[in-house]
Structures are given as C-alpha cells and as structure tokens.
Amino acid sequence: MDINNIQRQLRDFAQERDWEQFHSPKNLATALAIEAAELLEPFQWLKEDESRRLAEKPADYARIREEIADVLIYLLRLADQLDIDLEEAVKEKMRKNAEKYPIALARGNAIKYNRRES
C-alpha cells in the first residue's frame, strides 16, 4: 500500500469538492471515532467463533469491509492534516510496545502491562 499516494488521492478528492474546509483535525478525529463505532455494530452480538467466520455471510462481510475502509480513509486524512508520517509513527509505536510487552511476560497473556503483578 502506497500511503502517500492514497493520501494524495484523498486530498485531491476533498479539494475537488471543496471539502478541505470541513477536514479539520477535530472533525476528522470525530469522523474516525464514529466510523470505528459503526465498525463495531455488526460484531455487537456475535460469539467469538461467529466473528471469525464473517466471510461466510457476504452481506455482513461487505459492510464490515466498507466500514474498515472508512476508518482507514479518515485515519489517512487525519494524519495528512497533522503531517504525521504514519509509517514512522507505527514503527515507533511497535518499538514502544515491544518494550512494554516483552515476550517473556506477554506471550499468551492478555493482561495489560500496567496491571501485572510484580
């Protein structure tokens, strides 16, 4: 995925429609949160195993696919507006997570790092 190219396409799309005026960081963050909530809705009452088999339900799968795309679109626009290099941000966050969750303590364990007993 060429993030910069997609961001450029999204920027052009917004500019062509004169939507830049609405794409403030606050508005984009709000839209991102709303889209993330919409992504949750199809999962709301599913059992764990049902959530893993969504590809078996084409209509639900298509809806989730679209919601994931919406989340990514707003995330890319927000990062673009704030001039955040997503690749660098992800690498840095992964480095920090590796420190917070060393394999010896985290492997097979869902307990948050700050809730572990010493």
PDB file of N, CA and C in Angstrom:
ATOM      1  N   MET A   1       0.853  -1.173   0.000  1.00  0.00           N
ATOM      2  CA  MET A   1       0.000   0.000   0.000  1.00  0.00           C
ATOM      3  C   MET A   1       0.901   1.238   0.000  1.00  0.00           C
ATOM      4  N   ASP A   2       0.658   2.111  -0.930  1.00  0.00           N
ATOM      5  CA  ASP A   2       1.403   3.367  -1.024  1.00  0.00           C
ATOM      6  C   ASP A   2       0.613   4.448  -0.286  1.00  0.00           C
ATOM      7  N   ILE A   3       0.914   4.598   0.996  1.00  0.00           N
ATOM      8  CA  ILE A   3       0.167   5.524   1.845  1.00  0.00           C
ATOM      9  C   ILE A   3       0.198   6.945   1.290  1.00  0.00           C
ATOM     10  N   ASN A   4       1.358   7.409   0.878  1.00  0.00           N
ATOM     11  CA  ASN A   4       1.455   8.783   0.373  1.00  0.00           C
ATOM     12  C   ASN A   4       0.587   8.992  -0.858  1.00  0.00           C
ATOM     13  N   ASN A   5       0.561   8.014  -1.747  1.00  0.00           N
ATOM     14  CA  ASN A   5      -0.259   8.121  -2.951  1.00  0.00           C
ATOM     15  C   ASN A   5      -1.745   8.154  -2.598  1.00  0.00           C
ATOM     16  N   ILE A   6      -2.153   7.293  -1.679  1.00  0.00           N
ATOM     17  CA  ILE A   6      -3.563   7.274  -1.269  1.00  0.00           C
ATOM     18  C   ILE A   6      -3.927   8.592  -0.591  1.00  0.00           C
ATOM     19  N   GLN A   7      -3.046   9.099   0.270  1.00  0.00           N
ATOM     20  CA  GLN A   7      -3.327  10.383   0.913  1.00  0.00           C
ATOM     21  C   GLN A   7      -3.459  11.496  -0.129  1.00  0.00           C
ATOM     22  N   ARG A   8      -2.622  11.462  -1.132  1.00  0.00           N
ATOM     23  CA  ARG A   8      -2.691  12.461  -2.204  1.00  0.00           C
ATOM     24  C   ARG A   8      -4.037  12.353  -2.940  1.00  0.00           C
ATOM     25  N   GLN A   9      -4.462  11.132  -3.217  1.00  0.00           N
ATOM     26  CA  GLN A   9      -5.755  10.930  -3.884  1.00  0.00           C
ATOM     27  C   GLN A   9      -6.909  11.427  -3.008  1.00  0.00           C
ATOM     28  N   LEU A  10      -6.852  11.133  -1.721  1.00  0.00           N
ATOM     29  CA  LEU A  10      -7.892  11.593  -0.799  1.00  0.00           C
ATOM     30  C   LEU A  10      -7.897  13.115  -0.692  1.00  0.00           C
ATOM     31  N   ARG A  11      -6.702  13.710  -0.650  1.00  0.00           N
ATOM     32  CA  ARG A  11      -6.575  15.171  -0.603  1.00  0.00           C
ATOM     33  C   ARG A  11      -7.189  15.792  -1.860  1.00  0.00           C
ATOM     34  N   ASP A  12      -6.856  15.234  -3.015  1.00  0.00           N
ATOM     35  CA  ASP A  12      -7.407  15.731  -4.284  1.00  0.00           C
ATOM     36  C   ASP A  12      -8.933  15.590  -4.296  1.00  0.00           C
ATOM     37  N   PHE A  13      -9.426  14.456  -3.847  1.00  0.00           N
ATOM     38  CA  PHE A  13     -10.866  14.205  -3.793  1.00  0.00           C
ATOM     39  C   PHE A  13     -11.559  15.285  -2.958  1.00  0.00           C
ATOM     40  N   ALA A  14     -10.998  15.572  -1.784  1.00  0.00           N
ATOM     41  CA  ALA A  14     -11.582  16.587  -0.899  1.00  0.00           C
ATOM     42  C   ALA A  14     -11.481  17.981  -1.520  1.00  0.00           C
ATOM     43  N   GLN A  15     -10.343  18.302  -2.111  1.00  0.00           N
ATOM     44  CA  GLN A  15     -10.157  19.623  -2.720  1.00  0.00           C
ATOM     45  C   GLN A  15     -11.112  19.835  -3.891  1.00  0.00           C
ATOM     46  N   GLU A  16     -11.297  18.826  -4.708  1.00  0.00           N
ATOM     47  CA  GLU A  16     -12.193  18.946  -5.855  1.00  0.00           C
ATOM     48  C   GLU A  16     -13.631  19.239  -5.425  1.00  0.00           C
ATOM     49  N   ARG A  17     -13.993  18.833  -4.236  1.00  0.00           N
ATOM     50  CA  ARG A  17     -15.344  19.032  -3.720  1.00  0.00           C
ATOM     51  C   ARG A  17     -15.435  20.190  -2.725  1.00  0.00           C
ATOM     52  N   ASP A  18     -14.323  20.896  -2.553  1.00  0.00           N
ATOM     53  CA  ASP A  18     -14.238  21.996  -1.586  1.00  0.00           C
ATOM     54  C   ASP A  18     -14.584  21.525  -0.177  1.00  0.00           C
ATOM     55  N   TRP A  19     -14.083  20.347   0.176  1.00  0.00           N
ATOM     56  CA  TRP A  19     -14.331  19.788   1.499  1.00  0.00           C
ATOM     57  C   TRP A  19     -13.186  20.047   2.467  1.00  0.00           C
ATOM     58  N   GLU A  20     -12.080  20.582   2.003  1.00  0.00           N
ATOM     59  CA  GLU A  20     -10.953  20.857   2.904  1.00  0.00           C
ATOM     60  C   GLU A  20     -11.405  21.710   4.093  1.00  0.00           C
ATOM     61  N   GLN A  21     -12.334  22.618   3.838  1.00  0.00           N
ATOM     62  CA  GLN A  21     -12.833  23.486   4.904  1.00  0.00           C
ATOM     63  C   GLN A  21     -13.459  22.695   6.057  1.00  0.00           C
ATOM     64  N   PHE A  22     -13.924  21.494   5.775  1.00  0.00           N
ATOM     65  CA  PHE A  22     -14.558  20.667   6.805  1.00  0.00           C
ATOM     66  C   PHE A  22     -13.589  19.660   7.421  1.00  0.00           C
ATOM     67  N   HIS A  23     -12.421  19.499   6.810  1.00  0.00           N
ATOM     68  CA  HIS A  23     -11.481  18.462   7.241  1.00  0.00           C
ATOM     69  C   HIS A  23     -10.440  18.973   8.232  1.00  0.00           C
ATOM     70  N   SER A  24     -10.936  19.600   9.288  1.00  0.00           N
ATOM     71  CA  SER A  24     -10.036  19.999  10.374  1.00  0.00           C
ATOM     72  C   SER A  24      -9.650  18.740  11.141  1.00  0.00           C
ATOM     73  N   PRO A  25      -8.532  18.770  11.849  1.00  0.00           N
ATOM     74  CA  PRO A  25      -8.169  17.604  12.662  1.00  0.00           C
ATOM     75  C   PRO A  25      -9.284  17.179  13.620  1.00  0.00           C
ATOM     76  N   LYS A  26      -9.951  18.137  14.238  1.00  0.00           N
ATOM     77  CA  LYS A  26     -11.044  17.807  15.163  1.00  0.00           C
ATOM     78  C   LYS A  26     -12.164  17.073  14.441  1.00  0.00           C
ATOM     79  N   ASN A  27     -12.576  17.589  13.292  1.00  0.00           N
ATOM     80  CA  ASN A  27     -13.665  16.955  12.552  1.00  0.00           C
ATOM     81  C   ASN A  27     -13.267  15.571  12.040  1.00  0.00           C
ATOM     82  N   LEU A  28     -12.044  15.435  11.585  1.00  0.00           N
ATOM     83  CA  LEU A  28     -11.584  14.137  11.089  1.00  0.00           C
ATOM     84  C   LEU A  28     -11.474  13.116  12.219  1.00  0.00           C
ATOM     85  N   ALA A  29     -10.990  13.549  13.382  1.00  0.00           N
ATOM     86  CA  ALA A  29     -10.908  12.641  14.537  1.00  0.00           C
ATOM     87  C   ALA A  29     -12.307  12.206  14.974  1.00  0.00           C
ATOM     88  N   THR A  30     -13.242  13.133  14.940  1.00  0.00           N
ATOM     89  CA  THR A  30     -14.626  12.805  15.287  1.00  0.00           C
ATOM     90  C   THR A  30     -15.198  11.796  14.295  1.00  0.00           C
ATOM     91  N   ALA A  31     -15.000  12.060  13.004  1.00  0.00           N
ATOM     92  CA  ALA A  31     -15.493  11.147  11.967  1.00  0.00           C
ATOM     93  C   ALA A  31     -14.848   9.767  12.107  1.00  0.00           C
ATOM     94  N   LEU A  32     -13.573   9.735  12.432  1.00  0.00           N
ATOM     95  CA  LEU A  32     -12.865   8.473  12.627  1.00  0.00           C
ATOM     96  C   LEU A  32     -13.499   7.677  13.761  1.00  0.00           C
ATOM     97  N   ALA A  33     -13.784   8.339  14.876  1.00  0.00           N
ATOM     98  CA  ALA A  33     -14.398   7.658  16.021  1.00  0.00           C
ATOM     99  C   ALA A  33     -15.790   7.138  15.670  1.00  0.00           C
ATOM    100  N   ILE A  34     -16.548   7.904  14.921  1.00  0.00           N
ATOM    101  CA  ILE A  34     -17.889   7.482  14.515  1.00  0.00           C
ATOM    102  C   ILE A  34     -17.800   6.259  13.605  1.00  0.00           C
ATOM    103  N   GLU A  35     -16.894   6.300  12.647  1.00  0.00           N
ATOM    104  CA  GLU A  35     -16.734   5.157  11.742  1.00  0.00           C
ATOM    105  C   GLU A  35     -16.261   3.921  12.491  1.00  0.00           C
ATOM    106  N   ALA A  36     -15.388   4.099  13.473  1.00  0.00           N
ATOM    107  CA  ALA A  36     -14.930   2.958  14.275  1.00  0.00           C
ATOM    108  C   ALA A  36     -16.109   2.356  15.047  1.00  0.00           C
ATOM    109  N   ALA A  37     -16.996   3.203  15.549  1.00  0.00           N
ATOM    110  CA  ALA A  37     -18.187   2.712  16.247  1.00  0.00           C
ATOM    111  C   ALA A  37     -19.098   1.963  15.277  1.00  0.00           C
ATOM    112  N   GLU A  38     -19.231   2.476  14.060  1.00  0.00           N
ATOM    113  CA  GLU A  38     -20.046   1.788  13.050  1.00  0.00           C
ATOM    114  C   GLU A  38     -19.439   0.428  12.709  1.00  0.00           C
ATOM    115  N   LEU A  39     -18.136   0.320  12.752  1.00  0.00           N
ATOM    116  CA  LEU A  39     -17.469  -0.955  12.513  1.00  0.00           C
ATOM    117  C   LEU A  39     -17.829  -1.970  13.605  1.00  0.00           C
ATOM    118  N   LEU A  40     -18.044  -1.500  14.812  1.00  0.00           N
ATOM    119  CA  LEU A  40     -18.381  -2.398  15.924  1.00  0.00           C
ATOM    120  C   LEU A  40     -19.775  -3.000  15.811  1.00  0.00           C
ATOM    121  N   GLU A  41     -20.693  -2.255  15.206  1.00  0.00           N
ATOM    122  CA  GLU A  41     -22.093  -2.671  15.221  1.00  0.00           C
ATOM    123  C   GLU A  41     -22.333  -4.095  14.689  1.00  0.00           C
ATOM    124  N   PRO A  42     -21.779  -4.490  13.542  1.00  0.00           N
ATOM    125  CA  PRO A  42     -22.040  -5.853  13.063  1.00  0.00           C
ATOM    126  C   PRO A  42     -21.488  -6.944  13.991  1.00  0.00           C
ATOM    127  N   PHE A  43     -20.558  -6.600  14.848  1.00  0.00           N
ATOM    128  CA  PHE A  43     -19.954  -7.565  15.770  1.00  0.00           C
ATOM    129  C   PHE A  43     -20.689  -7.638  17.109  1.00  0.00           C
ATOM    130  N   GLN A  44     -21.597  -6.704  17.341  1.00  0.00           N
ATOM    131  CA  GLN A  44     -22.147  -6.474  18.672  1.00  0.00           C
ATOM    132  C   GLN A  44     -22.622  -7.728  19.396  1.00  0.00           C
ATOM    133  N   TRP A  45     -23.385  -8.582  18.784  1.00  0.00           N
ATOM    134  CA  TRP A  45     -23.947  -9.724  19.497  1.00  0.00           C
ATOM    135  C   TRP A  45     -23.396 -11.062  19.015  1.00  0.00           C
ATOM    136  N   LEU A  46     -22.303 -11.002  18.289  1.00  0.00           N
ATOM    137  CA  LEU A  46     -21.719 -12.245  17.792  1.00  0.00           C
ATOM    138  C   LEU A  46     -20.908 -12.957  18.873  1.00  0.00           C
ATOM    139  N   LYS A  47     -20.879 -14.272  18.773  1.00  0.00           N
ATOM    140  CA  LYS A  47     -19.979 -15.054  19.606  1.00  0.00           C
ATOM    141  C   LYS A  47     -18.595 -14.982  18.971  1.00  0.00           C
ATOM    142  N   GLU A  48     -17.570 -15.290  19.748  1.00  0.00           N
ATOM    143  CA  GLU A  48     -16.192 -15.231  19.241  1.00  0.00           C
ATOM    144  C   GLU A  48     -16.036 -15.995  17.930  1.00  0.00           C
ATOM    145  N   ASP A  49     -16.507 -17.228  17.907  1.00  0.00           N
ATOM    146  CA  ASP A  49     -16.330 -18.037  16.700  1.00  0.00           C
ATOM    147  C   ASP A  49     -17.114 -17.470  15.520  1.00  0.00           C
ATOM    148  N   GLU A  50     -18.270 -16.878  15.753  1.00  0.00           N
ATOM    149  CA  GLU A  50     -19.043 -16.260  14.672  1.00  0.00           C
ATOM    150  C   GLU A  50     -18.288 -15.071  14.077  1.00  0.00           C
ATOM    151  N   SER A  51     -17.603 -14.321  14.927  1.00  0.00           N
ATOM    152  CA  SER A  51     -16.864 -13.153  14.440  1.00  0.00           C
ATOM    153  C   SER A  51     -15.695 -13.565  13.548  1.00  0.00           C
ATOM    154  N   ARG A  52     -15.217 -14.769  13.716  1.00  0.00           N
ATOM    155  CA  ARG A  52     -14.108 -15.272  12.892  1.00  0.00           C
ATOM    156  C   ARG A  52     -14.590 -15.848  11.551  1.00  0.00           C
ATOM    157  N   ARG A  53     -15.895 -16.035  11.426  1.00  0.00           N
ATOM    158  CA  ARG A  53     -16.440 -16.636  10.207  1.00  0.00           C
ATOM    159  C   ARG A  53     -17.303 -15.656   9.414  1.00  0.00           C
ATOM    160  N   LEU A  54     -17.057 -14.387   9.535  1.00  0.00           N
ATOM    161  CA  LEU A  54     -17.894 -13.399   8.853  1.00  0.00           C
ATOM    162  C   LEU A  54     -17.825 -13.491   7.337  1.00  0.00           C
ATOM    163  N   ALA A  55     -16.756 -14.007   6.801  1.00  0.00           N
ATOM    164  CA  ALA A  55     -16.643 -14.154   5.346  1.00  0.00           C
ATOM    165  C   ALA A  55     -17.728 -15.092   4.809  1.00  0.00           C
ATOM    166  N   GLU A  56     -18.322 -15.894   5.685  1.00  0.00           N
ATOM    167  CA  GLU A  56     -19.394 -16.796   5.276  1.00  0.00           C
ATOM    168  C   GLU A  56     -20.717 -16.069   5.078  1.00  0.00           C
ATOM    169  N   LYS A  57     -20.787 -14.820   5.511  1.00  0.00           N
ATOM    170  CA  LYS A  57     -22.005 -14.006   5.368  1.00  0.00           C
ATOM    171  C   LYS A  57     -21.661 -12.814   4.475  1.00  0.00           C
ATOM    172  N   PRO A  58     -21.835 -12.952   3.167  1.00  0.00           N
ATOM    173  CA  PRO A  58     -21.375 -11.936   2.223  1.00  0.00           C
ATOM    174  C   PRO A  58     -21.880 -10.515   2.501  1.00  0.00           C
ATOM    175  N   ALA A  59     -23.125 -10.360   2.887  1.00  0.00           N
ATOM    176  CA  ALA A  59     -23.653  -9.007   3.135  1.00  0.00           C
ATOM    177  C   ALA A  59     -22.975  -8.371   4.345  1.00  0.00           C
ATOM    178  N   ASP A  60     -22.841  -9.130   5.428  1.00  0.00           N
ATOM    179  CA  ASP A  60     -22.178  -8.610   6.630  1.00  0.00           C
ATOM    180  C   ASP A  60     -20.703  -8.333   6.352  1.00  0.00           C
ATOM    181  N   TYR A  61     -20.081  -9.254   5.620  1.00  0.00           N
ATOM    182  CA  TYR A  61     -18.669  -9.107   5.282  1.00  0.00           C
ATOM    183  C   TYR A  61     -18.439  -7.841   4.441  1.00  0.00           C
ATOM    184  N   ALA A  62     -19.312  -7.591   3.480  1.00  0.00           N
ATOM    185  CA  ALA A  62     -19.197  -6.392   2.632  1.00  0.00           C
ATOM    186  C   ALA A  62     -19.358  -5.127   3.468  1.00  0.00           C
ATOM    187  N   ARG A  63     -20.286  -5.150   4.404  1.00  0.00           N
ATOM    188  CA  ARG A  63     -20.500  -3.971   5.269  1.00  0.00           C
ATOM    189  C   ARG A  63     -19.261  -3.700   6.121  1.00  0.00           C
ATOM    190  N   ILE A  64     -18.704  -4.740   6.695  1.00  0.00           N
ATOM    191  CA  ILE A  64     -17.512  -4.588   7.532  1.00  0.00           C
ATOM    192  C   ILE A  64     -16.337  -4.092   6.693  1.00  0.00           C
ATOM    193  N   ARG A  65     -16.211  -4.625   5.505  1.00  0.00           N
ATOM    194  CA  ARG A  65     -15.150  -4.191   4.591  1.00  0.00           C
ATOM    195  C   ARG A  65     -15.252  -2.688   4.314  1.00  0.00           C
ATOM    196  N   GLU A  66     -16.474  -2.209   4.061  1.00  0.00           N
ATOM    197  CA  GLU A  66     -16.680  -0.782   3.814  1.00  0.00           C
ATOM    198  C   GLU A  66     -16.374   0.054   5.048  1.00  0.00           C
ATOM    199  N   GLU A  67     -16.780  -0.423   6.217  1.00  0.00           N
ATOM    200  CA  GLU A  67     -16.509   0.329   7.451  1.00  0.00           C
ATOM    201  C   GLU A  67     -15.009   0.395   7.725  1.00  0.00           C
ATOM    202  N   ILE A  68     -14.299  -0.696   7.471  1.00  0.00           N
ATOM    203  CA  ILE A  68     -12.843  -0.687   7.644  1.00  0.00           C
ATOM    204  C   ILE A  68     -12.220   0.332   6.700  1.00  0.00           C
ATOM    205  N   ALA A  69     -12.707   0.366   5.473  1.00  0.00           N
ATOM    206  CA  ALA A  69     -12.196   1.350   4.515  1.00  0.00           C
ATOM    207  C   ALA A  69     -12.480   2.767   4.998  1.00  0.00           C
ATOM    208  N   ASP A  70     -13.675   3.014   5.522  1.00  0.00           N
ATOM    209  CA  ASP A  70     -14.000   4.345   6.043  1.00  0.00           C
ATOM    210  C   ASP A  70     -13.058   4.741   7.174  1.00  0.00           C
ATOM    211  N   VAL A  71     -12.795   3.807   8.083  1.00  0.00           N
ATOM    212  CA  VAL A  71     -11.873   4.080   9.197  1.00  0.00           C
ATOM    213  C   VAL A  71     -10.498   4.451   8.659  1.00  0.00           C
ATOM    214  N   LEU A  72     -10.015   3.682   7.706  1.00  0.00           N
ATOM    215  CA  LEU A  72      -8.696   3.956   7.145  1.00  0.00           C
ATOM    216  C   LEU A  72      -8.666   5.292   6.414  1.00  0.00           C
ATOM    217  N   ILE A  73      -9.706   5.598   5.672  1.00  0.00           N
ATOM    218  CA  ILE A  73      -9.765   6.874   4.947  1.00  0.00           C
ATOM    219  C   ILE A  73      -9.663   8.043   5.913  1.00  0.00           C
ATOM    220  N   TYR A  74     -10.465   8.027   6.966  1.00  0.00           N
ATOM    221  CA  TYR A  74     -10.409   9.137   7.929  1.00  0.00           C
ATOM    222  C   TYR A  74      -9.077   9.176   8.672  1.00  0.00           C
ATOM    223  N   LEU A  75      -8.512   8.025   8.974  1.00  0.00           N
ATOM    224  CA  LEU A  75      -7.200   7.991   9.623  1.00  0.00           C
ATOM    225  C   LEU A  75      -6.130   8.591   8.714  1.00  0.00           C
ATOM    226  N   LEU A  76      -6.158   8.212   7.443  1.00  0.00           N
ATOM    227  CA  LEU A  76      -5.188   8.758   6.493  1.00  0.00           C
ATOM    228  C   LEU A  76      -5.360  10.269   6.328  1.00  0.00           C
ATOM    229  N   ARG A  77      -6.600  10.738   6.271  1.00  0.00           N
ATOM    230  CA  ARG A  77      -6.839  12.180   6.144  1.00  0.00           C
ATOM    231  C   ARG A  77      -6.348  12.915   7.395  1.00  0.00           C
ATOM    232  N   LEU A  78      -6.616  12.363   8.562  1.00  0.00           N
ATOM    233  CA  LEU A  78      -6.189  12.995   9.811  1.00  0.00           C
ATOM    234  C   LEU A  78      -4.668  13.078   9.876  1.00  0.00           C
ATOM    235  N   ALA A  79      -3.998  11.998   9.568  1.00  0.00           N
ATOM    236  CA  ALA A  79      -2.532  12.007   9.571  1.00  0.00           C
ATOM    237  C   ALA A  79      -1.997  13.009   8.554  1.00  0.00           C
ATOM    238  N   ASP A  80      -2.642  13.093   7.413  1.00  0.00           N
ATOM    239  CA  ASP A  80      -2.228  14.047   6.379  1.00  0.00           C
ATOM    240  C   ASP A  80      -2.386  15.482   6.884  1.00  0.00           C
ATOM    241  N   GLN A  81      -3.506  15.782   7.499  1.00  0.00           N
ATOM    242  CA  GLN A  81      -3.754  17.134   8.010  1.00  0.00           C
ATOM    243  C   GLN A  81      -2.757  17.513   9.110  1.00  0.00           C
ATOM    244  N   LEU A  82      -2.346  16.536   9.899  1.00  0.00           N
ATOM    245  CA  LEU A  82      -1.415  16.805  11.001  1.00  0.00           C
ATOM    246  C   LEU A  82       0.043  16.574  10.609  1.00  0.00           C
ATOM    247  N   ASP A  83       0.273  16.233   9.347  1.00  0.00           N
ATOM    248  CA  ASP A  83       1.615  15.987   8.827  1.00  0.00           C
ATOM    249  C   ASP A  83       2.345  14.915   9.642  1.00  0.00           C
ATOM    250  N   ILE A  84       1.633  13.827   9.894  1.00  0.00           N
ATOM    251  CA  ILE A  84       2.198  12.696  10.627  1.00  0.00           C
ATOM    252  C   ILE A  84       2.601  11.626   9.625  1.00  0.00           C
ATOM    253  N   ASP A  85       3.839  11.200   9.702  1.00  0.00           N
ATOM    254  CA  ASP A  85       4.339  10.107   8.870  1.00  0.00           C
ATOM    255  C   ASP A  85       3.864   8.812   9.520  1.00  0.00           C
ATOM    256  N   LEU A  86       2.849   8.203   8.936  1.00  0.00           N
ATOM    257  CA  LEU A  86       2.244   7.015   9.544  1.00  0.00           C
ATOM    258  C   LEU A  86       3.212   5.847   9.652  1.00  0.00           C
ATOM    259  N   GLU A  87       4.027   5.640   8.639  1.00  0.00           N
ATOM    260  CA  GLU A  87       4.973   4.524   8.691  1.00  0.00           C
ATOM    261  C   GLU A  87       5.926   4.703   9.864  1.00  0.00           C
ATOM    262  N   GLU A  88       6.434   5.895  10.035  1.00  0.00           N
ATOM    263  CA  GLU A  88       7.359   6.173  11.143  1.00  0.00           C
ATOM    264  C   GLU A  88       6.642   6.068  12.487  1.00  0.00           C
ATOM    265  N   ALA A  89       5.403   6.578  12.558  1.00  0.00           N
ATOM    266  CA  ALA A  89       4.631   6.515  13.801  1.00  0.00           C
ATOM    267  C   ALA A  89       4.363   5.071  14.203  1.00  0.00           C
ATOM    268  N   VAL A  90       4.029   4.226  13.226  1.00  0.00           N
ATOM    269  CA  VAL A  90       3.752   2.815  13.522  1.00  0.00           C
ATOM    270  C   VAL A  90       5.019   2.104  13.983  1.00  0.00           C
ATOM    271  N   LYS A  91       6.129   2.357  13.316  1.00  0.00           N
ATOM    272  CA  LYS A  91       7.389   1.728  13.724  1.00  0.00           C
ATOM    273  C   LYS A  91       7.759   2.123  15.150  1.00  0.00           C
ATOM    274  N   GLU A  92       7.603   3.400  15.474  1.00  0.00           N
ATOM    275  CA  GLU A  92       7.927   3.879  16.822  1.00  0.00           C
ATOM    276  C   GLU A  92       7.003   3.238  17.858  1.00  0.00           C
ATOM    277  N   LYS A  93       5.721   3.156  17.545  1.00  0.00           N
ATOM    278  CA  LYS A  93       4.768   2.560  18.484  1.00  0.00           C
ATOM    279  C   LYS A  93       5.054   1.075  18.678  1.00  0.00           C
ATOM    280  N   MET A  94       5.417   0.387  17.616  1.00  0.00           N
ATOM    281  CA  MET A  94       5.779  -1.033  17.748  1.00  0.00           C
ATOM    282  C   MET A  94       7.011  -1.206  18.622  1.00  0.00           C
ATOM    283  N   ARG A  95       7.985  -0.317  18.491  1.00  0.00           N
ATOM    284  CA  ARG A  95       9.175  -0.378  19.333  1.00  0.00           C
ATOM    285  C   ARG A  95       8.792  -0.205  20.799  1.00  0.00           C
ATOM    286  N   LYS A  96       7.927   0.793  21.073  1.00  0.00           N
ATOM    287  CA  LYS A  96       7.482   1.035  22.449  1.00  0.00           C
ATOM    288  C   LYS A  96       6.696  -0.156  22.987  1.00  0.00           C
ATOM    289  N   ASN A  97       5.833  -0.733  22.153  1.00  0.00           N
ATOM    290  CA  ASN A  97       5.052  -1.896  22.593  1.00  0.00           C
ATOM    291  C   ASN A  97       5.951  -3.085  22.900  1.00  0.00           C
ATOM    292  N   ALA A  98       7.010  -3.257  22.126  1.00  0.00           N
ATOM    293  CA  ALA A  98       7.946  -4.354  22.395  1.00  0.00           C
ATOM    294  C   ALA A  98       8.605  -4.184  23.759  1.00  0.00           C
ATOM    295  N   GLU A  99       8.852  -2.944  24.144  1.00  0.00           N
ATOM    296  CA  GLU A  99       9.426  -2.681  25.474  1.00  0.00           C
ATOM    297  C   GLU A  99       8.393  -2.917  26.567  1.00  0.00           C
ATOM    298  N   LYS A 100       7.156  -2.481  26.349  1.00  0.00           N
ATOM    299  CA  LYS A 100       6.097  -2.622  27.354  1.00  0.00           C
ATOM    300  C   LYS A 100       5.652  -4.068  27.510  1.00  0.00           C
ATOM    301  N   TYR A 101       5.699  -4.805  26.416  1.00  0.00           N
ATOM    302  CA  TYR A 101       5.205  -6.174  26.409  1.00  0.00           C
ATOM    303  C   TYR A 101       6.298  -7.146  25.970  1.00  0.00           C
ATOM    304  N   PRO A 102       7.316  -7.349  26.813  1.00  0.00           N
ATOM    305  CA  PRO A 102       8.368  -8.295  26.435  1.00  0.00           C
ATOM    306  C   PRO A 102       7.778  -9.694  26.274  1.00  0.00           C
ATOM    307  N   ILE A 103       8.315 -10.439  25.329  1.00  0.00           N
ATOM    308  CA  ILE A 103       7.779 -11.759  25.008  1.00  0.00           C
ATOM    309  C   ILE A 103       7.659 -12.632  26.251  1.00  0.00           C
ATOM    310  N   ALA A 104       8.662 -12.610  27.107  1.00  0.00           N
ATOM    311  CA  ALA A 104       8.660 -13.477  28.292  1.00  0.00           C
ATOM    312  C   ALA A 104       7.459 -13.210  29.204  1.00  0.00           C
ATOM    313  N   LEU A 105       6.982 -11.973  29.240  1.00  0.00           N
ATOM    314  CA  LEU A 105       5.841 -11.639  30.102  1.00  0.00           C
ATOM    315  C   LEU A 105       4.517 -11.631  29.345  1.00  0.00           C
ATOM    316  N   ALA A 106       4.550 -11.359  28.076  1.00  0.00           N
ATOM    317  CA  ALA A 106       3.315 -11.140  27.327  1.00  0.00           C
ATOM    318  C   ALA A 106       2.817 -12.354  26.556  1.00  0.00           C
ATOM    319  N   ARG A 107       3.675 -13.283  26.264  1.00  0.00           N
ATOM    320  CA  ARG A 107       3.285 -14.408  25.406  1.00  0.00           C
ATOM    321  C   ARG A 107       2.099 -15.164  26.002  1.00  0.00           C
ATOM    322  N   GLY A 108       0.982 -15.208  25.257  1.00  0.00           N
ATOM    323  CA  GLY A 108      -0.210 -15.919  25.686  1.00  0.00           C
ATOM    324  C   GLY A 108      -0.938 -15.280  26.841  1.00  0.00           C
ATOM    325  N   ASN A 109      -0.632 -14.010  27.125  1.00  0.00           N
ATOM    326  CA  ASN A 109      -1.179 -13.327  28.293  1.00  0.00           C
ATOM    327  C   ASN A 109      -1.854 -12.032  27.845  1.00  0.00           C
ATOM    328  N   ALA A 110      -3.120 -11.849  28.182  1.00  0.00           N
ATOM    329  CA  ALA A 110      -3.867 -10.660  27.762  1.00  0.00           C
ATOM    330  C   ALA A 110      -3.911  -9.574  28.838  1.00  0.00           C
ATOM    331  N   ILE A 111      -3.175  -9.763  29.911  1.00  0.00           N
ATOM    332  CA  ILE A 111      -3.191  -8.770  30.994  1.00  0.00           C
ATOM    333  C   ILE A 111      -2.377  -7.553  30.573  1.00  0.00           C
ATOM    334  N   LYS A 112      -2.969  -6.364  30.738  1.00  0.00           N
ATOM    335  CA  LYS A 112      -2.306  -5.124  30.360  1.00  0.00           C
ATOM    336  C   LYS A 112      -1.023  -4.955  31.168  1.00  0.00           C
ATOM    337  N   TYR A 113      -0.019  -4.379  30.530  1.00  0.00           N
ATOM    338  CA  TYR A 113       1.316  -4.270  31.134  1.00  0.00           C
ATOM    339  C   TYR A 113       1.313  -3.601  32.503  1.00  0.00           C
ATOM    340  N   ASN A 114       0.423  -2.614  32.719  1.00  0.00           N
ATOM    341  CA  ASN A 114       0.444  -1.897  33.992  1.00  0.00           C
ATOM    342  C   ASN A 114      -0.465  -2.561  35.049  1.00  0.00           C
ATOM    343  N   ARG A 115      -0.984  -3.727  34.747  1.00  0.00           N
ATOM    344  CA  ARG A 115      -1.839  -4.441  35.703  1.00  0.00           C
ATOM    345  C   ARG A 115      -1.217  -5.773  36.137  1.00  0.00           C
ATOM    346  N   ARG A 116      -0.005  -6.033  35.668  1.00  0.00           N
ATOM    347  CA  ARG A 116       0.675  -7.279  36.049  1.00  0.00           C
ATOM    348  C   ARG A 116       1.177  -7.157  37.476  1.00  0.00           C
ATOM    349  N   GLU A 117       1.173  -8.281  38.135  1.00  0.00           N
ATOM    350  CA  GLU A 117       1.749  -8.301  39.493  1.00  0.00           C
ATOM    351  C   GLU A 117       3.249  -8.343  39.366  1.00  0.00           C
ATOM    352  N   SER A 118       3.933  -7.692  40.280  1.00  0.00           N
ATOM    353  CA  SER A 118       5.400  -7.672  40.255  1.00  0.00           C
ATOM    354  C   SER A 118       5.972  -8.923  40.830  1.00  0.00           C
TER     355      SER A 118
END
